[in-house]
Amino acid sequence: MPETRRAFHEELDDMGHSVVQLAALVSQSIEKGTQAFLDGDLEGVEVVIADDRDLDALTVSIEDRALQLLARQQPMAIDLRTVVSILRVIHELERAGDNMVNVVKAARRLHPHPLDPKVRGLLQRMREQAVNQLAVATRAFTERDPALAAALNDMDDVMDDLQKELFRWVFAARSESEDSMQQLVQLALVGRYYERIADHAVNFGERVTFMVTGSMHPE
């Protein structure tokens, strides 16, 4: 293999490792952010918000390297699909991290009101589901496995059901009090943020399928 091609594939592999690192940072944000929200831990909220800056910086770094690689090497076929997919995947991950920042900011608006035990249980399950879907998408990426990526669509039904269950609780708990209504609105939004995080994991999987097969939705 010519030296330039060897260097190209080494850089591509290194970018792949950075994507996995980015996914790990998002997963940590989901874990830490959910715990801060459940505990009403405002210091923990600030940590998650500060850590998101590291996530954003890594996203920009990967994007810059990918664009430079496109300009220098002008890759074709699967190499081109890989670089393009990385550019799209990091956007999905960055948005997932932003949604988690939205979750922890909601903790400020709900403070110091305690969460209903039912809501706590649902949010814990949503955290677990979001982390699991992200882990499956990351594994599909590292193993170049479109079959594993396709499983994310079915997994996402679980998150959709959890969001519906949270919405049902919100509607059943409606109140005439303006403060209580504001709290319920915040909880509904938090459920939506988790649902969007799971959607970003599904999109991650679709990009893996495109990277490997050249099609977003293979038969």
N, C-alpha and C. Protein backbone atom coordinates (compact mmCIF):
# COMPACT_ATOMS: atom_id res chain seq x y z
N MET A 1 0.85 -1.19 0.00
CA MET A 1 0.00 0.00 0.00
C MET A 1 0.89 1.25 0.00
N PRO A 2 0.62 2.22 -0.91
CA PRO A 2 1.42 3.44 -0.92
C PRO A 2 1.35 4.15 0.43
N GLU A 3 2.42 4.88 0.72
CA GLU A 3 2.51 5.55 2.02
C GLU A 3 1.36 6.52 2.24
N THR A 4 0.94 7.23 1.18
CA THR A 4 -0.15 8.20 1.34
C THR A 4 -1.46 7.50 1.71
N ARG A 5 -1.70 6.33 1.11
CA ARG A 5 -2.93 5.60 1.43
C ARG A 5 -2.87 5.03 2.84
N ARG A 6 -1.68 4.58 3.23
CA ARG A 6 -1.53 4.06 4.59
C ARG A 6 -1.80 5.17 5.61
N ALA A 7 -1.26 6.34 5.35
CA ALA A 7 -1.47 7.47 6.25
C ALA A 7 -2.95 7.86 6.29
N PHE A 8 -3.59 7.77 5.12
CA PHE A 8 -5.02 8.10 5.06
C PHE A 8 -5.83 7.17 5.95
N HIS A 9 -5.58 5.87 5.84
CA HIS A 9 -6.36 4.91 6.62
C HIS A 9 -6.03 4.98 8.11
N GLU A 10 -4.80 5.33 8.43
CA GLU A 10 -4.46 5.53 9.84
C GLU A 10 -5.23 6.72 10.41
N GLU A 11 -5.32 7.79 9.63
CA GLU A 11 -6.07 8.96 10.07
C GLU A 11 -7.55 8.64 10.19
N LEU A 12 -8.07 7.85 9.26
CA LEU A 12 -9.48 7.46 9.30
C LEU A 12 -9.76 6.62 10.55
N ASP A 13 -8.86 5.70 10.85
CA ASP A 13 -9.01 4.87 12.05
C ASP A 13 -8.97 5.74 13.31
N ASP A 14 -8.06 6.71 13.31
CA ASP A 14 -7.94 7.58 14.48
C ASP A 14 -9.20 8.42 14.67
N MET A 15 -9.78 8.88 13.57
CA MET A 15 -11.04 9.61 13.67
C MET A 15 -12.15 8.72 14.20
N GLY A 16 -12.14 7.46 13.79
CA GLY A 16 -13.12 6.52 14.31
C GLY A 16 -13.02 6.37 15.81
N HIS A 17 -11.79 6.30 16.32
CA HIS A 17 -11.59 6.22 17.77
C HIS A 17 -12.11 7.49 18.46
N SER A 18 -11.95 8.62 17.80
CA SER A 18 -12.43 9.88 18.39
C SER A 18 -13.95 9.90 18.42
N VAL A 19 -14.60 9.31 17.41
CA VAL A 19 -16.06 9.21 17.43
C VAL A 19 -16.52 8.38 18.61
N VAL A 20 -15.84 7.27 18.86
CA VAL A 20 -16.17 6.43 20.01
C VAL A 20 -15.97 7.20 21.31
N GLN A 21 -14.90 7.98 21.38
CA GLN A 21 -14.66 8.82 22.56
C GLN A 21 -15.78 9.83 22.75
N LEU A 22 -16.23 10.43 21.65
CA LEU A 22 -17.32 11.40 21.72
C LEU A 22 -18.60 10.73 22.22
N ALA A 23 -18.88 9.54 21.72
CA ALA A 23 -20.07 8.81 22.18
C ALA A 23 -19.97 8.50 23.67
N ALA A 24 -18.77 8.18 24.14
CA ALA A 24 -18.58 7.90 25.57
C ALA A 24 -18.86 9.15 26.40
N LEU A 25 -18.44 10.31 25.91
CA LEU A 25 -18.70 11.56 26.63
C LEU A 25 -20.20 11.84 26.71
N VAL A 26 -20.91 11.56 25.63
CA VAL A 26 -22.36 11.76 25.65
C VAL A 26 -23.01 10.81 26.64
N SER A 27 -22.57 9.57 26.65
CA SER A 27 -23.11 8.58 27.58
C SER A 27 -22.87 9.03 29.03
N GLN A 28 -21.68 9.53 29.32
CA GLN A 28 -21.38 10.03 30.66
C GLN A 28 -22.28 11.21 31.01
N SER A 29 -22.56 12.06 30.02
CA SER A 29 -23.42 13.21 30.25
C SER A 29 -24.84 12.74 30.60
N ILE A 30 -25.31 11.72 29.92
CA ILE A 30 -26.65 11.19 30.22
C ILE A 30 -26.70 10.65 31.64
N GLU A 31 -25.67 9.90 32.01
CA GLU A 31 -25.64 9.31 33.36
C GLU A 31 -25.56 10.40 34.43
N LYS A 32 -24.60 11.29 34.29
CA LYS A 32 -24.40 12.34 35.31
C LYS A 32 -25.53 13.35 35.32
N GLY A 33 -26.01 13.69 34.13
CA GLY A 33 -27.07 14.68 34.03
C GLY A 33 -28.38 14.18 34.63
N THR A 34 -28.70 12.93 34.35
CA THR A 34 -29.93 12.37 34.92
C THR A 34 -29.85 12.33 36.44
N GLN A 35 -28.69 11.93 36.97
CA GLN A 35 -28.56 11.86 38.42
C GLN A 35 -28.67 13.24 39.04
N ALA A 36 -28.07 14.24 38.39
CA ALA A 36 -28.16 15.61 38.90
C ALA A 36 -29.62 16.08 38.89
N PHE A 37 -30.34 15.73 37.84
CA PHE A 37 -31.75 16.12 37.75
C PHE A 37 -32.58 15.44 38.83
N LEU A 38 -32.38 14.14 39.00
CA LEU A 38 -33.15 13.39 39.99
C LEU A 38 -32.88 13.89 41.41
N ASP A 39 -31.63 14.27 41.66
CA ASP A 39 -31.24 14.71 43.00
C ASP A 39 -31.48 16.20 43.24
N GLY A 40 -31.85 16.93 42.19
CA GLY A 40 -31.94 18.38 42.33
C GLY A 40 -30.60 18.98 42.67
N ASP A 41 -29.53 18.40 42.15
CA ASP A 41 -28.16 18.78 42.47
C ASP A 41 -27.71 19.89 41.52
N LEU A 42 -27.81 21.13 41.96
CA LEU A 42 -27.49 22.25 41.09
C LEU A 42 -26.00 22.36 40.79
N GLU A 43 -25.16 21.90 41.69
CA GLU A 43 -23.73 21.87 41.40
C GLU A 43 -23.44 20.83 40.32
N GLY A 44 -24.12 19.69 40.43
CA GLY A 44 -23.98 18.67 39.40
C GLY A 44 -24.45 19.16 38.05
N VAL A 45 -25.50 19.98 38.05
CA VAL A 45 -25.99 20.59 36.81
C VAL A 45 -24.89 21.41 36.15
N GLU A 46 -24.19 22.22 36.94
CA GLU A 46 -23.12 23.06 36.39
C GLU A 46 -21.99 22.22 35.82
N VAL A 47 -21.70 21.09 36.44
CA VAL A 47 -20.65 20.20 35.94
C VAL A 47 -21.01 19.67 34.56
N VAL A 48 -22.25 19.23 34.41
CA VAL A 48 -22.70 18.70 33.11
C VAL A 48 -22.64 19.78 32.03
N ILE A 49 -23.06 20.98 32.38
CA ILE A 49 -23.02 22.08 31.40
C ILE A 49 -21.59 22.40 31.01
N ALA A 50 -20.69 22.42 31.99
CA ALA A 50 -19.27 22.70 31.70
C ALA A 50 -18.65 21.59 30.86
N ASP A 51 -18.98 20.35 31.20
CA ASP A 51 -18.43 19.22 30.44
C ASP A 51 -18.89 19.23 28.98
N ASP A 52 -20.05 19.80 28.72
CA ASP A 52 -20.55 19.84 27.35
C ASP A 52 -19.63 20.66 26.45
N ARG A 53 -18.89 21.58 27.02
CA ARG A 53 -17.94 22.36 26.22
C ARG A 53 -16.82 21.47 25.70
N ASP A 54 -16.41 20.48 26.50
CA ASP A 54 -15.39 19.53 26.03
C ASP A 54 -15.96 18.68 24.88
N LEU A 55 -17.22 18.30 25.03
CA LEU A 55 -17.89 17.53 23.98
C LEU A 55 -17.94 18.33 22.67
N ASP A 56 -18.30 19.60 22.80
CA ASP A 56 -18.37 20.46 21.61
C ASP A 56 -17.00 20.64 20.97
N ALA A 57 -15.97 20.79 21.80
CA ALA A 57 -14.61 20.98 21.27
C ALA A 57 -14.14 19.75 20.52
N LEU A 58 -14.45 18.56 21.04
CA LEU A 58 -14.06 17.34 20.35
C LEU A 58 -14.82 17.20 19.03
N THR A 59 -16.08 17.60 19.02
CA THR A 59 -16.87 17.56 17.78
C THR A 59 -16.22 18.44 16.71
N VAL A 60 -15.85 19.64 17.08
CA VAL A 60 -15.22 20.57 16.14
C VAL A 60 -13.89 20.00 15.65
N SER A 61 -13.13 19.40 16.54
CA SER A 61 -11.84 18.82 16.16
C SER A 61 -12.01 17.71 15.13
N ILE A 62 -12.96 16.81 15.37
CA ILE A 62 -13.20 15.71 14.43
C ILE A 62 -13.67 16.26 13.09
N GLU A 63 -14.56 17.23 13.13
CA GLU A 63 -15.08 17.82 11.89
C GLU A 63 -13.95 18.45 11.08
N ASP A 64 -13.08 19.18 11.75
CA ASP A 64 -11.96 19.82 11.06
C ASP A 64 -11.05 18.79 10.41
N ARG A 65 -10.75 17.71 11.13
CA ARG A 65 -9.88 16.67 10.58
C ARG A 65 -10.54 15.97 9.39
N ALA A 66 -11.85 15.75 9.49
CA ALA A 66 -12.57 15.08 8.40
C ALA A 66 -12.57 15.95 7.13
N LEU A 67 -12.80 17.24 7.31
CA LEU A 67 -12.82 18.14 6.16
C LEU A 67 -11.44 18.25 5.51
N GLN A 68 -10.40 18.27 6.34
CA GLN A 68 -9.04 18.30 5.80
C GLN A 68 -8.74 17.03 5.03
N LEU A 69 -9.21 15.90 5.54
CA LEU A 69 -8.97 14.63 4.87
C LEU A 69 -9.68 14.59 3.52
N LEU A 70 -10.89 15.11 3.47
CA LEU A 70 -11.61 15.18 2.19
C LEU A 70 -10.86 16.04 1.18
N ALA A 71 -10.34 17.16 1.66
CA ALA A 71 -9.65 18.08 0.75
C ALA A 71 -8.33 17.51 0.25
N ARG A 72 -7.60 16.85 1.14
CA ARG A 72 -6.27 16.35 0.77
C ARG A 72 -6.32 15.07 -0.06
N GLN A 73 -7.21 14.15 0.34
CA GLN A 73 -7.17 12.81 -0.24
C GLN A 73 -8.24 12.54 -1.29
N GLN A 74 -9.32 13.32 -1.29
CA GLN A 74 -10.43 13.11 -2.22
C GLN A 74 -10.82 11.63 -2.29
N PRO A 75 -11.23 11.06 -1.17
CA PRO A 75 -11.54 9.62 -1.12
C PRO A 75 -12.76 9.27 -1.97
N MET A 76 -12.87 7.97 -2.30
CA MET A 76 -14.00 7.49 -3.10
C MET A 76 -14.60 6.26 -2.44
N ALA A 77 -15.77 5.86 -2.94
CA ALA A 77 -16.46 4.64 -2.52
C ALA A 77 -16.62 4.59 -1.00
N ILE A 78 -16.26 3.46 -0.38
CA ILE A 78 -16.51 3.29 1.05
C ILE A 78 -15.70 4.27 1.89
N ASP A 79 -14.50 4.65 1.42
CA ASP A 79 -13.71 5.63 2.18
C ASP A 79 -14.44 6.97 2.24
N LEU A 80 -15.03 7.37 1.12
CA LEU A 80 -15.78 8.63 1.09
C LEU A 80 -17.01 8.52 1.99
N ARG A 81 -17.71 7.39 1.91
CA ARG A 81 -18.89 7.20 2.76
C ARG A 81 -18.52 7.23 4.24
N THR A 82 -17.36 6.70 4.57
CA THR A 82 -16.93 6.69 5.96
C THR A 82 -16.70 8.10 6.49
N VAL A 83 -16.00 8.92 5.70
CA VAL A 83 -15.73 10.29 6.14
C VAL A 83 -17.03 11.08 6.24
N VAL A 84 -17.89 10.95 5.23
CA VAL A 84 -19.17 11.67 5.25
C VAL A 84 -20.02 11.20 6.43
N SER A 85 -20.01 9.90 6.70
CA SER A 85 -20.79 9.36 7.82
C SER A 85 -20.28 9.89 9.15
N ILE A 86 -18.97 9.97 9.30
CA ILE A 86 -18.40 10.52 10.53
C ILE A 86 -18.86 11.96 10.74
N LEU A 87 -18.88 12.74 9.66
CA LEU A 87 -19.34 14.12 9.77
C LEU A 87 -20.79 14.19 10.25
N ARG A 88 -21.62 13.27 9.78
CA ARG A 88 -23.02 13.27 10.20
C ARG A 88 -23.18 12.70 11.60
N VAL A 89 -22.44 11.67 11.93
CA VAL A 89 -22.54 11.01 13.23
C VAL A 89 -22.18 11.98 14.35
N ILE A 90 -21.10 12.74 14.17
CA ILE A 90 -20.69 13.64 15.25
C ILE A 90 -21.74 14.72 15.49
N HIS A 91 -22.47 15.08 14.43
CA HIS A 91 -23.57 16.04 14.61
C HIS A 91 -24.67 15.42 15.47
N GLU A 92 -25.00 14.16 15.22
CA GLU A 92 -26.02 13.48 16.01
C GLU A 92 -25.59 13.41 17.48
N LEU A 93 -24.34 13.08 17.72
CA LEU A 93 -23.85 12.97 19.09
C LEU A 93 -23.82 14.33 19.79
N GLU A 94 -23.40 15.34 19.05
CA GLU A 94 -23.35 16.69 19.64
C GLU A 94 -24.74 17.16 20.03
N ARG A 95 -25.74 16.85 19.19
CA ARG A 95 -27.11 17.24 19.50
C ARG A 95 -27.65 16.45 20.70
N ALA A 96 -27.28 15.19 20.79
CA ALA A 96 -27.68 14.40 21.96
C ALA A 96 -27.14 15.02 23.24
N GLY A 97 -25.88 15.46 23.19
CA GLY A 97 -25.31 16.14 24.35
C GLY A 97 -26.03 17.43 24.68
N ASP A 98 -26.43 18.18 23.65
CA ASP A 98 -27.17 19.42 23.88
C ASP A 98 -28.52 19.14 24.54
N ASN A 99 -29.16 18.05 24.14
CA ASN A 99 -30.44 17.71 24.77
C ASN A 99 -30.26 17.39 26.25
N MET A 100 -29.13 16.78 26.59
CA MET A 100 -28.89 16.49 28.00
C MET A 100 -28.64 17.77 28.78
N VAL A 101 -28.01 18.75 28.17
CA VAL A 101 -27.85 20.06 28.81
C VAL A 101 -29.23 20.67 29.08
N ASN A 102 -30.15 20.50 28.12
CA ASN A 102 -31.50 21.00 28.33
C ASN A 102 -32.17 20.32 29.52
N VAL A 103 -31.91 19.02 29.69
CA VAL A 103 -32.48 18.28 30.81
C VAL A 103 -32.00 18.89 32.13
N VAL A 104 -30.69 19.08 32.27
CA VAL A 104 -30.18 19.57 33.55
C VAL A 104 -30.58 21.01 33.81
N LYS A 105 -30.75 21.80 32.76
CA LYS A 105 -31.21 23.17 32.98
C LYS A 105 -32.63 23.18 33.52
N ALA A 106 -33.41 22.17 33.15
CA ALA A 106 -34.77 22.07 33.69
C ALA A 106 -34.75 21.85 35.20
N ALA A 107 -33.68 21.23 35.71
CA ALA A 107 -33.57 21.03 37.16
C ALA A 107 -33.56 22.36 37.90
N ARG A 108 -32.98 23.39 37.29
CA ARG A 108 -32.98 24.72 37.91
C ARG A 108 -34.40 25.25 38.05
N ARG A 109 -35.20 25.02 37.02
CA ARG A 109 -36.56 25.55 37.01
C ARG A 109 -37.47 24.81 37.96
N LEU A 110 -37.15 23.55 38.23
CA LEU A 110 -37.97 22.75 39.14
C LEU A 110 -37.53 22.87 40.60
N HIS A 111 -36.31 23.34 40.81
CA HIS A 111 -35.77 23.45 42.16
C HIS A 111 -36.61 24.42 42.99
N PRO A 112 -36.92 24.10 44.27
CA PRO A 112 -36.50 22.93 45.05
C PRO A 112 -37.59 21.85 45.16
N HIS A 113 -38.52 21.83 44.23
CA HIS A 113 -39.65 20.91 44.34
C HIS A 113 -39.21 19.46 44.11
N PRO A 114 -39.60 18.54 44.96
CA PRO A 114 -39.21 17.14 44.79
C PRO A 114 -39.98 16.49 43.65
N LEU A 115 -39.41 15.44 43.08
CA LEU A 115 -40.06 14.71 42.00
C LEU A 115 -40.95 13.61 42.56
N ASP A 116 -42.07 13.41 41.91
CA ASP A 116 -42.95 12.30 42.26
C ASP A 116 -42.21 10.98 42.04
N PRO A 117 -42.38 9.99 42.92
CA PRO A 117 -41.70 8.70 42.75
C PRO A 117 -41.95 8.05 41.39
N LYS A 118 -43.17 8.20 40.86
CA LYS A 118 -43.48 7.65 39.54
C LYS A 118 -42.61 8.29 38.47
N VAL A 119 -42.45 9.60 38.55
CA VAL A 119 -41.63 10.32 37.57
C VAL A 119 -40.17 9.91 37.71
N ARG A 120 -39.70 9.79 38.93
CA ARG A 120 -38.31 9.37 39.14
C ARG A 120 -38.06 8.01 38.48
N GLY A 121 -38.98 7.09 38.68
CA GLY A 121 -38.82 5.77 38.09
C GLY A 121 -38.80 5.81 36.57
N LEU A 122 -39.68 6.61 35.98
CA LEU A 122 -39.72 6.73 34.52
C LEU A 122 -38.43 7.34 33.97
N LEU A 123 -37.93 8.37 34.63
CA LEU A 123 -36.70 9.03 34.17
C LEU A 123 -35.49 8.11 34.31
N GLN A 124 -35.46 7.31 35.34
CA GLN A 124 -34.37 6.34 35.48
C GLN A 124 -34.40 5.33 34.34
N ARG A 125 -35.59 4.90 33.95
CA ARG A 125 -35.71 3.97 32.84
C ARG A 125 -35.37 4.64 31.51
N MET A 126 -35.71 5.90 31.37
CA MET A 126 -35.36 6.64 30.15
C MET A 126 -33.85 6.83 30.04
N ARG A 127 -33.22 7.09 31.16
CA ARG A 127 -31.75 7.18 31.16
C ARG A 127 -31.14 5.87 30.69
N GLU A 128 -31.60 4.77 31.27
CA GLU A 128 -31.06 3.46 30.91
C GLU A 128 -31.28 3.16 29.43
N GLN A 129 -32.47 3.48 28.93
CA GLN A 129 -32.76 3.21 27.53
C GLN A 129 -31.90 4.06 26.60
N ALA A 130 -31.73 5.33 26.94
CA ALA A 130 -30.90 6.22 26.11
C ALA A 130 -29.45 5.73 26.07
N VAL A 131 -28.93 5.35 27.22
CA VAL A 131 -27.55 4.86 27.28
C VAL A 131 -27.41 3.56 26.49
N ASN A 132 -28.39 2.67 26.62
CA ASN A 132 -28.34 1.40 25.90
C ASN A 132 -28.37 1.61 24.39
N GLN A 133 -29.25 2.51 23.93
CA GLN A 133 -29.32 2.75 22.49
C GLN A 133 -28.03 3.37 21.96
N LEU A 134 -27.46 4.26 22.72
CA LEU A 134 -26.20 4.87 22.30
C LEU A 134 -25.08 3.82 22.26
N ALA A 135 -25.08 2.90 23.22
CA ALA A 135 -24.07 1.85 23.25
C ALA A 135 -24.20 0.93 22.04
N VAL A 136 -25.43 0.59 21.67
CA VAL A 136 -25.65 -0.27 20.50
C VAL A 136 -25.21 0.45 19.22
N ALA A 137 -25.54 1.73 19.10
CA ALA A 137 -25.13 2.49 17.92
C ALA A 137 -23.61 2.56 17.82
N THR A 138 -22.94 2.77 18.94
CA THR A 138 -21.48 2.84 18.96
C THR A 138 -20.86 1.50 18.59
N ARG A 139 -21.42 0.44 19.11
CA ARG A 139 -20.92 -0.89 18.77
C ARG A 139 -21.13 -1.20 17.28
N ALA A 140 -22.29 -0.80 16.75
CA ALA A 140 -22.54 -0.99 15.32
C ALA A 140 -21.50 -0.24 14.49
N PHE A 141 -21.13 0.95 14.96
CA PHE A 141 -20.12 1.75 14.25
C PHE A 141 -18.75 1.08 14.30
N THR A 142 -18.33 0.65 15.46
CA THR A 142 -16.99 0.06 15.59
C THR A 142 -16.89 -1.28 14.87
N GLU A 143 -18.00 -2.03 14.84
CA GLU A 143 -17.99 -3.35 14.20
C GLU A 143 -18.48 -3.31 12.76
N ARG A 144 -18.86 -2.12 12.29
CA ARG A 144 -19.39 -1.97 10.93
C ARG A 144 -20.52 -2.96 10.68
N ASP A 145 -21.51 -2.95 11.58
CA ASP A 145 -22.56 -3.97 11.59
C ASP A 145 -23.93 -3.34 11.33
N PRO A 146 -24.41 -3.35 10.07
CA PRO A 146 -25.71 -2.76 9.78
C PRO A 146 -26.88 -3.49 10.43
N ALA A 147 -26.74 -4.80 10.65
CA ALA A 147 -27.81 -5.56 11.30
C ALA A 147 -28.00 -5.06 12.73
N LEU A 148 -26.90 -4.81 13.42
CA LEU A 148 -26.99 -4.27 14.78
C LEU A 148 -27.57 -2.86 14.75
N ALA A 149 -27.18 -2.08 13.77
CA ALA A 149 -27.72 -0.72 13.65
C ALA A 149 -29.23 -0.75 13.42
N ALA A 150 -29.71 -1.72 12.64
CA ALA A 150 -31.13 -1.82 12.35
C ALA A 150 -31.96 -2.12 13.60
N ALA A 151 -31.33 -2.77 14.59
CA ALA A 151 -32.05 -3.11 15.82
C ALA A 151 -32.47 -1.87 16.60
N LEU A 152 -31.84 -0.73 16.31
CA LEU A 152 -32.13 0.49 17.05
C LEU A 152 -33.56 0.98 16.82
N ASN A 153 -34.12 0.70 15.65
CA ASN A 153 -35.50 1.11 15.39
C ASN A 153 -36.46 0.44 16.36
N ASP A 154 -36.25 -0.85 16.59
CA ASP A 154 -37.12 -1.56 17.54
C ASP A 154 -36.85 -1.11 18.97
N MET A 155 -35.59 -0.88 19.29
CA MET A 155 -35.26 -0.40 20.63
C MET A 155 -35.91 0.94 20.91
N ASP A 156 -36.03 1.76 19.88
CA ASP A 156 -36.57 3.10 20.07
C ASP A 156 -38.04 3.08 20.46
N ASP A 157 -38.74 1.99 20.13
CA ASP A 157 -40.14 1.87 20.55
C ASP A 157 -40.27 1.89 22.07
N VAL A 158 -39.26 1.36 22.75
CA VAL A 158 -39.28 1.36 24.22
C VAL A 158 -39.24 2.79 24.75
N MET A 159 -38.36 3.61 24.16
CA MET A 159 -38.28 5.00 24.60
C MET A 159 -39.57 5.74 24.29
N ASP A 160 -40.15 5.48 23.14
CA ASP A 160 -41.42 6.14 22.79
C ASP A 160 -42.50 5.79 23.81
N ASP A 161 -42.54 4.53 24.22
CA ASP A 161 -43.54 4.10 25.21
C ASP A 161 -43.31 4.78 26.56
N LEU A 162 -42.05 4.92 26.94
CA LEU A 162 -41.74 5.59 28.21
C LEU A 162 -42.16 7.06 28.16
N GLN A 163 -41.92 7.71 27.03
CA GLN A 163 -42.33 9.10 26.90
C GLN A 163 -43.85 9.23 26.99
N LYS A 164 -44.56 8.33 26.34
CA LYS A 164 -46.03 8.37 26.40
C LYS A 164 -46.52 8.17 27.84
N GLU A 165 -45.84 7.27 28.56
CA GLU A 165 -46.24 7.03 29.94
C GLU A 165 -46.01 8.28 30.80
N LEU A 166 -44.90 8.97 30.56
CA LEU A 166 -44.64 10.22 31.29
C LEU A 166 -45.69 11.27 30.94
N PHE A 167 -46.04 11.38 29.67
CA PHE A 167 -47.06 12.34 29.26
C PHE A 167 -48.40 12.03 29.91
N ARG A 168 -48.73 10.75 30.00
CA ARG A 168 -50.00 10.39 30.65
C ARG A 168 -50.01 10.83 32.11
N TRP A 169 -48.86 10.68 32.77
CA TRP A 169 -48.78 11.13 34.17
C TRP A 169 -48.95 12.64 34.25
N VAL A 170 -48.30 13.36 33.34
CA VAL A 170 -48.39 14.83 33.33
C VAL A 170 -49.84 15.27 33.13
N PHE A 171 -50.52 14.66 32.18
CA PHE A 171 -51.90 15.06 31.92
C PHE A 171 -52.81 14.72 33.11
N ALA A 172 -52.56 13.60 33.75
CA ALA A 172 -53.38 13.19 34.90
C ALA A 172 -53.13 14.10 36.10
N ALA A 173 -51.93 14.71 36.17
CA ALA A 173 -51.55 15.52 37.33
C ALA A 173 -51.82 17.01 37.11
N ARG A 174 -52.54 17.36 36.04
CA ARG A 174 -52.76 18.78 35.72
C ARG A 174 -53.36 19.52 36.93
N SER A 175 -52.98 20.78 37.03
CA SER A 175 -53.35 21.57 38.22
C SER A 175 -53.76 22.97 37.80
N GLU A 176 -54.56 23.61 38.64
CA GLU A 176 -54.97 24.99 38.39
C GLU A 176 -53.87 25.97 38.81
N SER A 177 -52.95 25.50 39.64
CA SER A 177 -51.87 26.36 40.12
C SER A 177 -50.89 26.64 38.98
N GLU A 178 -50.54 27.91 38.79
CA GLU A 178 -49.62 28.28 37.72
C GLU A 178 -48.24 27.67 37.95
N ASP A 179 -47.79 27.69 39.21
CA ASP A 179 -46.49 27.09 39.52
C ASP A 179 -46.48 25.60 39.20
N SER A 180 -47.53 24.91 39.59
CA SER A 180 -47.61 23.47 39.32
C SER A 180 -47.65 23.19 37.82
N MET A 181 -48.38 24.04 37.10
CA MET A 181 -48.46 23.86 35.64
C MET A 181 -47.09 24.04 35.00
N GLN A 182 -46.33 25.00 35.47
CA GLN A 182 -44.99 25.23 34.95
C GLN A 182 -44.09 24.01 35.20
N GLN A 183 -44.23 23.42 36.36
CA GLN A 183 -43.45 22.23 36.69
C GLN A 183 -43.82 21.06 35.77
N LEU A 184 -45.10 20.91 35.51
CA LEU A 184 -45.55 19.83 34.63
C LEU A 184 -45.06 20.03 33.20
N VAL A 185 -45.06 21.28 32.76
CA VAL A 185 -44.53 21.58 31.43
C VAL A 185 -43.06 21.21 31.34
N GLN A 186 -42.30 21.54 32.38
CA GLN A 186 -40.88 21.20 32.39
C GLN A 186 -40.66 19.69 32.32
N LEU A 187 -41.47 18.94 33.05
CA LEU A 187 -41.34 17.49 33.03
C LEU A 187 -41.66 16.92 31.65
N ALA A 188 -42.68 17.48 31.01
CA ALA A 188 -43.03 17.04 29.66
C ALA A 188 -41.88 17.31 28.69
N LEU A 189 -41.25 18.47 28.84
CA LEU A 189 -40.11 18.81 27.98
C LEU A 189 -38.93 17.87 28.23
N VAL A 190 -38.70 17.54 29.49
CA VAL A 190 -37.60 16.62 29.82
C VAL A 190 -37.83 15.28 29.13
N GLY A 191 -39.07 14.79 29.17
CA GLY A 191 -39.37 13.54 28.47
C GLY A 191 -39.08 13.64 26.99
N ARG A 192 -39.40 14.79 26.41
CA ARG A 192 -39.12 15.02 24.99
C ARG A 192 -37.62 15.02 24.72
N TYR A 193 -36.83 15.59 25.62
CA TYR A 193 -35.38 15.62 25.42
C TYR A 193 -34.80 14.20 25.40
N TYR A 194 -35.26 13.34 26.29
CA TYR A 194 -34.78 11.96 26.29
C TYR A 194 -35.19 11.25 25.01
N GLU A 195 -36.40 11.51 24.56
CA GLU A 195 -36.87 10.88 23.33
C GLU A 195 -36.01 11.32 22.15
N ARG A 196 -35.60 12.58 22.14
CA ARG A 196 -34.75 13.08 21.06
C ARG A 196 -33.35 12.46 21.15
N ILE A 197 -32.83 12.27 22.34
CA ILE A 197 -31.53 11.61 22.48
C ILE A 197 -31.58 10.21 21.85
N ALA A 198 -32.67 9.49 22.14
CA ALA A 198 -32.82 8.16 21.56
C ALA A 198 -32.94 8.24 20.04
N ASP A 199 -33.63 9.25 19.53
CA ASP A 199 -33.73 9.44 18.08
C ASP A 199 -32.36 9.68 17.45
N HIS A 200 -31.53 10.43 18.13
CA HIS A 200 -30.17 10.68 17.61
C HIS A 200 -29.38 9.37 17.54
N ALA A 201 -29.62 8.47 18.50
CA ALA A 201 -28.95 7.16 18.45
C ALA A 201 -29.43 6.36 17.24
N VAL A 202 -30.73 6.44 16.94
CA VAL A 202 -31.26 5.77 15.75
C VAL A 202 -30.63 6.35 14.48
N ASN A 203 -30.53 7.66 14.42
CA ASN A 203 -29.90 8.31 13.27
C ASN A 203 -28.44 7.90 13.14
N PHE A 204 -27.77 7.77 14.26
CA PHE A 204 -26.39 7.27 14.29
C PHE A 204 -26.34 5.92 13.59
N GLY A 205 -27.26 5.04 13.96
CA GLY A 205 -27.30 3.72 13.35
C GLY A 205 -27.55 3.77 11.85
N GLU A 206 -28.42 4.68 11.41
CA GLU A 206 -28.69 4.81 9.98
C GLU A 206 -27.44 5.25 9.23
N ARG A 207 -26.64 6.10 9.84
CA ARG A 207 -25.39 6.53 9.21
C ARG A 207 -24.40 5.37 9.11
N VAL A 208 -24.42 4.48 10.08
CA VAL A 208 -23.57 3.29 10.02
C VAL A 208 -24.00 2.42 8.84
N THR A 209 -25.31 2.24 8.69
CA THR A 209 -25.82 1.44 7.57
C THR A 209 -25.38 2.04 6.24
N PHE A 210 -25.49 3.36 6.11
CA PHE A 210 -25.04 4.02 4.88
C PHE A 210 -23.55 3.83 4.67
N MET A 211 -22.78 3.97 5.72
CA MET A 211 -21.33 3.84 5.62
C MET A 211 -20.93 2.47 5.08
N VAL A 212 -21.61 1.42 5.53
CA VAL A 212 -21.25 0.06 5.15
C VAL A 212 -21.86 -0.36 3.82
N THR A 213 -23.13 0.00 3.60
CA THR A 213 -23.85 -0.52 2.44
C THR A 213 -24.06 0.49 1.32
N GLY A 214 -23.96 1.77 1.62
CA GLY A 214 -24.25 2.78 0.62
C GLY A 214 -25.71 3.16 0.58
N SER A 215 -26.53 2.56 1.45
CA SER A 215 -27.97 2.85 1.49
C SER A 215 -28.37 3.18 2.93
N MET A 216 -29.25 4.16 3.07
CA MET A 216 -29.75 4.50 4.41
C MET A 216 -30.75 3.47 4.91
N HIS A 217 -31.51 2.89 3.99
CA HIS A 217 -32.57 1.95 4.37
C HIS A 217 -32.51 0.72 3.46
N PRO A 218 -31.53 -0.17 3.70
CA PRO A 218 -31.43 -1.34 2.86
C PRO A 218 -32.61 -2.28 3.04
N GLU A 219 -32.89 -3.07 1.99
CA GLU A 219 -33.97 -4.07 2.08
C GLU A 219 -33.57 -5.16 3.05
